Protein backbone atom coordinates (compact mmCIF):
# COMPACT_ATOMS: atom_id res chain seq x y z
CA MET A 1 43.05 13.94 15.07
CA ASP A 2 44.94 14.60 11.87
CA LEU A 3 43.87 13.35 8.44
CA SER A 4 45.88 13.15 5.26
CA PHE A 5 45.55 11.11 2.12
CA ASP A 6 47.56 9.66 -0.74
CA LYS A 7 46.12 8.80 -4.12
CA VAL A 8 47.59 5.42 -5.10
CA THR A 9 45.68 5.35 -8.39
CA ASN A 10 42.77 7.39 -9.72
CA ALA A 11 40.37 5.04 -7.95
CA GLN A 12 42.44 3.95 -4.92
CA THR A 13 43.12 6.29 -1.99
CA VAL A 14 44.79 5.76 1.37
CA LEU A 15 43.32 7.92 4.13
CA HIS A 16 45.79 8.24 7.01
CA VAL A 17 44.26 8.82 10.44
CA ASP A 18 46.40 9.94 13.37
CA GLY A 19 45.16 10.44 16.92
CA ARG A 20 41.90 9.57 18.68
CA LEU A 21 38.85 8.62 16.64
CA ASP A 22 36.04 9.58 18.98
CA ILE A 23 32.95 11.73 19.36
CA GLU A 24 34.99 14.90 18.87
CA THR A 25 36.70 13.76 15.66
CA ALA A 26 34.36 11.25 13.99
CA ALA A 27 32.56 13.88 11.90
CA LYS A 28 35.88 14.94 10.38
CA LEU A 29 36.60 11.35 9.25
CA LYS A 30 33.09 10.97 7.88
CA ALA A 31 33.31 14.22 5.90
CA MET A 32 36.76 13.44 4.47
CA SER A 33 35.71 9.90 3.48
CA ARG A 34 32.64 11.21 1.65
CA LYS A 35 34.67 13.87 -0.15
CA LEU A 36 37.23 11.34 -1.35
CA ILE A 37 34.49 8.96 -2.52
CA ASP A 38 32.61 11.78 -4.24
CA ASP A 39 35.88 12.73 -5.98
CA GLY A 40 36.18 9.28 -7.57
CA THR A 41 37.74 6.96 -5.01
CA ARG A 42 36.32 3.47 -5.43
CA GLU A 43 38.73 1.74 -3.08
CA LEU A 44 39.28 3.60 0.17
CA ILE A 45 41.93 2.30 2.53
CA ILE A 46 41.73 3.79 6.01
CA ASP A 47 45.16 3.61 7.62
CA LEU A 48 44.65 3.31 11.39
CA GLN A 49 48.30 2.87 12.34
CA GLY A 50 48.35 6.21 14.15
CA VAL A 51 45.05 5.69 15.97
CA SER A 52 45.39 4.98 19.67
CA PHE A 53 41.69 5.00 20.59
CA VAL A 54 38.34 4.42 18.85
CA ASP A 55 34.92 4.81 20.47
CA SER A 56 31.43 4.07 19.18
CA SER A 57 31.27 7.40 17.33
CA GLY A 58 34.49 6.57 15.53
CA LEU A 59 33.18 3.13 14.62
CA SER A 60 30.00 4.75 13.35
CA ALA A 61 32.03 7.02 11.06
CA VAL A 62 33.82 3.97 9.62
CA VAL A 63 30.50 2.16 9.06
CA SER A 64 29.10 5.29 7.41
CA ALA A 65 32.06 5.36 5.01
CA LEU A 66 31.56 1.64 4.31
CA LYS A 67 27.89 2.14 3.47
CA TYR A 68 28.59 5.23 1.36
CA ILE A 69 31.28 3.56 -0.76
CA ARG A 70 29.29 0.32 -1.17
CA GLU A 71 26.34 2.34 -2.51
CA ARG A 72 28.77 3.49 -5.22
CA GLU A 73 30.00 -0.06 -5.85
CA GLY A 74 33.30 0.58 -4.14
CA GLN A 75 35.29 -1.10 -1.40
CA LEU A 76 36.53 -0.01 2.03
CA LYS A 77 39.57 -1.54 3.70
CA LEU A 78 41.14 -0.94 7.09
CA ALA A 79 44.90 -1.20 7.48
CA ALA A 80 47.38 -1.38 10.36
CA VAL A 81 44.75 -1.58 13.09
CA GLY A 82 46.24 -1.29 16.59
CA ASP A 83 45.25 -3.16 19.74
CA GLN A 84 42.50 -0.94 21.15
CA PRO A 85 40.82 -0.24 17.78
CA ARG A 86 40.98 -3.98 16.96
CA THR A 87 39.36 -4.81 20.30
CA ALA A 88 36.57 -2.31 19.58
CA LEU A 89 36.03 -3.83 16.13
CA THR A 90 35.97 -7.35 17.58
CA LEU A 91 33.59 -6.55 20.44
CA THR A 92 31.12 -4.94 18.03
CA LEU A 93 31.58 -7.77 15.48
CA LEU A 94 32.58 -5.21 12.85
CA ASP A 95 35.69 -7.26 12.20
CA ARG A 96 33.34 -9.71 10.46
CA ILE A 97 32.07 -7.20 7.89
CA LEU A 98 35.14 -5.02 7.35
CA ASP A 99 38.19 -6.03 5.34
CA ILE A 100 41.16 -5.63 7.70
CA TYR A 101 44.79 -5.86 6.54
CA PRO A 102 48.02 -5.88 8.57
CA SER A 103 49.53 -2.97 6.61
CA VAL A 104 48.70 -0.32 4.04
CA GLU A 105 50.90 -2.15 1.54
CA ALA A 106 48.95 -5.40 2.00
CA ALA A 107 45.66 -3.52 1.56
CA THR A 108 46.78 -1.74 -1.61
CA LEU A 109 47.92 -5.00 -3.20
CA ALA A 110 44.85 -7.08 -2.24
CA ASN A 111 41.99 -7.42 -4.66
């Protein structure tokens, strides 16, 4: 899994995830999310366009980021979620608590 990020504003960051988000890579996402939040991000957009597979460990890393940013009065958004990750979110009912947008652009513009 590869991670990169773009600062949209001082408080808004897009975290691009590419590859599988699973037990072998979830810790990397969790660590990067926390670092970005600790560095001042108050709106974290996780771009899942390049993610082909998510397992329970990957979902746990996303939930961890959600909890961490909410404790700091911030917001987490998911963008460009593919078929398998969307199915995993739906089956676990996480689609009901996470803000999901069709694209990074839609997520950056939404309040």
